[in-house]
Amino acid sequence: MANAQHIQRRSAHSSLLPAPARFIVGRDRRGSWIVQDRQGLVGGLFRNEAAALHFAAEECNHNPADICHAPEGVVLDLDGFPAASSNLH
């Protein structure tokens, strides 16, 4: 019975933690803006921060909790995405 109470408390506590943002917005090594999707479904390379934020907002139905900036000094890349034609937004 003690184990069951421990599991219930732990799952109740974890439900209070906020879910991580789905999209991370940051820069790559060349200074271009990148949007990475934690689910690996969409993302891209953008000319400026406004375009990157606009894309992320559209993808998550304008839910600000689903978008975060990469921490200072973190460099993003698109290595996990398949190569495509030059589709710079």
C-alpha atoms as a PDB file:
ATOM      1  CA  MET A   1       0.000   0.000   0.000  1.00  0.00           C
ATOM      2  CA  ALA A   2       2.873   2.384   0.719  1.00  0.00           C
ATOM      3  CA  ASN A   3       4.147   1.890  -2.822  1.00  0.00           C
ATOM      4  CA  ALA A   4       0.763   2.780  -4.310  1.00  0.00           C
ATOM      5  CA  GLN A   5       0.630   6.006  -2.295  1.00  0.00           C
ATOM      6  CA  HIS A   6       4.154   6.903  -3.378  1.00  0.00           C
ATOM      7  CA  ILE A   7       3.261   6.406  -7.072  1.00  0.00           C
ATOM      8  CA  GLN A   8       0.093   8.480  -6.726  1.00  0.00           C
ATOM      9  CA  ARG A   9       1.958  11.358  -5.096  1.00  0.00           C
ATOM     10  CA  ARG A  10       4.684  11.292  -7.720  1.00  0.00           C
ATOM     11  CA  SER A  11       2.227  11.310 -10.652  1.00  0.00           C
ATOM     12  CA  ALA A  12       0.189  14.101  -9.029  1.00  0.00           C
ATOM     13  CA  HIS A  13       3.376  16.149  -8.612  1.00  0.00           C
ATOM     14  CA  SER A  14       4.507  15.552 -12.204  1.00  0.00           C
ATOM     15  CA  SER A  15       1.150  16.746 -13.551  1.00  0.00           C
ATOM     16  CA  LEU A  16       1.862  20.149 -11.960  1.00  0.00           C
ATOM     17  CA  LEU A  17       5.061  20.619 -13.967  1.00  0.00           C
ATOM     18  CA  PRO A  18       4.629  22.602 -17.188  1.00  0.00           C
ATOM     19  CA  ALA A  19       5.109  20.708 -20.435  1.00  0.00           C
ATOM     20  CA  PRO A  20       8.220  21.744 -22.352  1.00  0.00           C
ATOM     21  CA  ALA A  21       7.667  24.122 -25.239  1.00  0.00           C
ATOM     22  CA  ARG A  22       7.169  22.377 -28.568  1.00  0.00           C
ATOM     23  CA  PHE A  23       9.240  24.864 -30.595  1.00  0.00           C
ATOM     24  CA  ILE A  24      12.709  26.236 -29.907  1.00  0.00           C
ATOM     25  CA  VAL A  25      13.747  29.407 -31.742  1.00  0.00           C
ATOM     26  CA  GLY A  26      17.417  30.291 -31.997  1.00  0.00           C
ATOM     27  CA  ARG A  27      20.386  30.850 -34.302  1.00  0.00           C
ATOM     28  CA  ASP A  28      22.681  28.509 -36.171  1.00  0.00           C
ATOM     29  CA  ARG A  29      26.460  28.873 -36.535  1.00  0.00           C
ATOM     30  CA  ARG A  30      26.038  31.305 -39.440  1.00  0.00           C
ATOM     31  CA  GLY A  31      23.604  33.522 -37.539  1.00  0.00           C
ATOM     32  CA  SER A  32      20.467  32.428 -39.415  1.00  0.00           C
ATOM     33  CA  TRP A  33      17.303  31.908 -37.391  1.00  0.00           C
ATOM     34  CA  ILE A  34      16.097  28.347 -36.856  1.00  0.00           C
ATOM     35  CA  VAL A  35      12.889  26.844 -35.530  1.00  0.00           C
ATOM     36  CA  GLN A  36      13.199  23.315 -34.167  1.00  0.00           C
ATOM     37  CA  ASP A  37      10.185  21.188 -33.303  1.00  0.00           C
ATOM     38  CA  ARG A  38      10.776  18.882 -30.318  1.00  0.00           C
ATOM     39  CA  GLN A  39       8.513  16.352 -32.041  1.00  0.00           C
ATOM     40  CA  GLY A  40      10.695  16.449 -35.172  1.00  0.00           C
ATOM     41  CA  LEU A  41       7.732  17.132 -37.456  1.00  0.00           C
ATOM     42  CA  VAL A  42       8.426  20.628 -38.777  1.00  0.00           C
ATOM     43  CA  GLY A  43      11.027  23.333 -38.565  1.00  0.00           C
ATOM     44  CA  GLY A  44      13.065  25.573 -40.756  1.00  0.00           C
ATOM     45  CA  LEU A  45      15.649  28.202 -41.507  1.00  0.00           C
ATOM     46  CA  PHE A  46      14.501  31.834 -41.547  1.00  0.00           C
ATOM     47  CA  ARG A  47      15.860  35.227 -42.620  1.00  0.00           C
ATOM     48  CA  ASN A  48      15.003  36.922 -39.329  1.00  0.00           C
ATOM     49  CA  GLU A  49      13.627  36.321 -35.853  1.00  0.00           C
ATOM     50  CA  ALA A  50      10.194  37.732 -36.698  1.00  0.00           C
ATOM     51  CA  ALA A  51       9.740  35.198 -39.515  1.00  0.00           C
ATOM     52  CA  ALA A  52      10.867  32.342 -37.256  1.00  0.00           C
ATOM     53  CA  LEU A  53       8.492  33.373 -34.477  1.00  0.00           C
ATOM     54  CA  HIS A  54       5.629  33.839 -36.947  1.00  0.00           C
ATOM     55  CA  PHE A  55       6.160  30.313 -38.307  1.00  0.00           C
ATOM     56  CA  ALA A  56       6.281  28.762 -34.840  1.00  0.00           C
ATOM     57  CA  ALA A  57       3.175  30.683 -33.742  1.00  0.00           C
ATOM     58  CA  GLU A  58       1.213  29.518 -36.785  1.00  0.00           C
ATOM     59  CA  GLU A  59       2.268  25.908 -36.204  1.00  0.00           C
ATOM     60  CA  CYS A  60       1.118  25.863 -32.565  1.00  0.00           C
ATOM     61  CA  ASN A  61      -2.097  27.836 -33.031  1.00  0.00           C
ATOM     62  CA  HIS A  62      -0.557  30.940 -31.382  1.00  0.00           C
ATOM     63  CA  ASN A  63      -0.030  29.255 -28.015  1.00  0.00           C
ATOM     64  CA  PRO A  64       2.890  31.164 -26.427  1.00  0.00           C
ATOM     65  CA  ALA A  65       3.576  28.273 -24.030  1.00  0.00           C
ATOM     66  CA  ASP A  66       4.625  26.159 -27.031  1.00  0.00           C
ATOM     67  CA  ILE A  67       7.435  28.528 -28.106  1.00  0.00           C
ATOM     68  CA  CYS A  68      10.693  29.299 -26.338  1.00  0.00           C
ATOM     69  CA  HIS A  69      14.010  30.884 -27.258  1.00  0.00           C
ATOM     70  CA  ALA A  70      17.150  28.788 -27.088  1.00  0.00           C
ATOM     71  CA  PRO A  71      19.262  29.650 -24.034  1.00  0.00           C
ATOM     72  CA  GLU A  72      22.024  32.227 -24.498  1.00  0.00           C
ATOM     73  CA  GLY A  73      25.028  30.667 -26.203  1.00  0.00           C
ATOM     74  CA  VAL A  74      23.199  27.594 -27.527  1.00  0.00           C
ATOM     75  CA  VAL A  75      23.672  27.029 -31.259  1.00  0.00           C
ATOM     76  CA  LEU A  76      20.886  25.212 -33.117  1.00  0.00           C
ATOM     77  CA  ASP A  77      21.196  23.203 -36.318  1.00  0.00           C
ATOM     78  CA  LEU A  78      18.962  21.363 -38.737  1.00  0.00           C
ATOM     79  CA  ASP A  79      20.959  18.121 -38.828  1.00  0.00           C
ATOM     80  CA  GLY A  80      17.869  16.116 -37.875  1.00  0.00           C
ATOM     81  CA  PHE A  81      15.858  17.350 -40.849  1.00  0.00           C
ATOM     82  CA  PRO A  82      16.026  15.859 -44.335  1.00  0.00           C
ATOM     83  CA  ALA A  83      17.813  17.997 -46.918  1.00  0.00           C
ATOM     84  CA  ALA A  84      15.473  19.965 -49.157  1.00  0.00           C
ATOM     85  CA  SER A  85      15.704  22.544 -51.866  1.00  0.00           C
ATOM     86  CA  SER A  86      16.581  26.064 -50.792  1.00  0.00           C
ATOM     87  CA  ASN A  87      13.325  27.149 -49.187  1.00  0.00           C
ATOM     88  CA  LEU A  88      14.401  30.120 -47.097  1.00  0.00           C
ATOM     89  CA  HIS A  89      11.480  32.040 -45.549  1.00  0.00           C
END
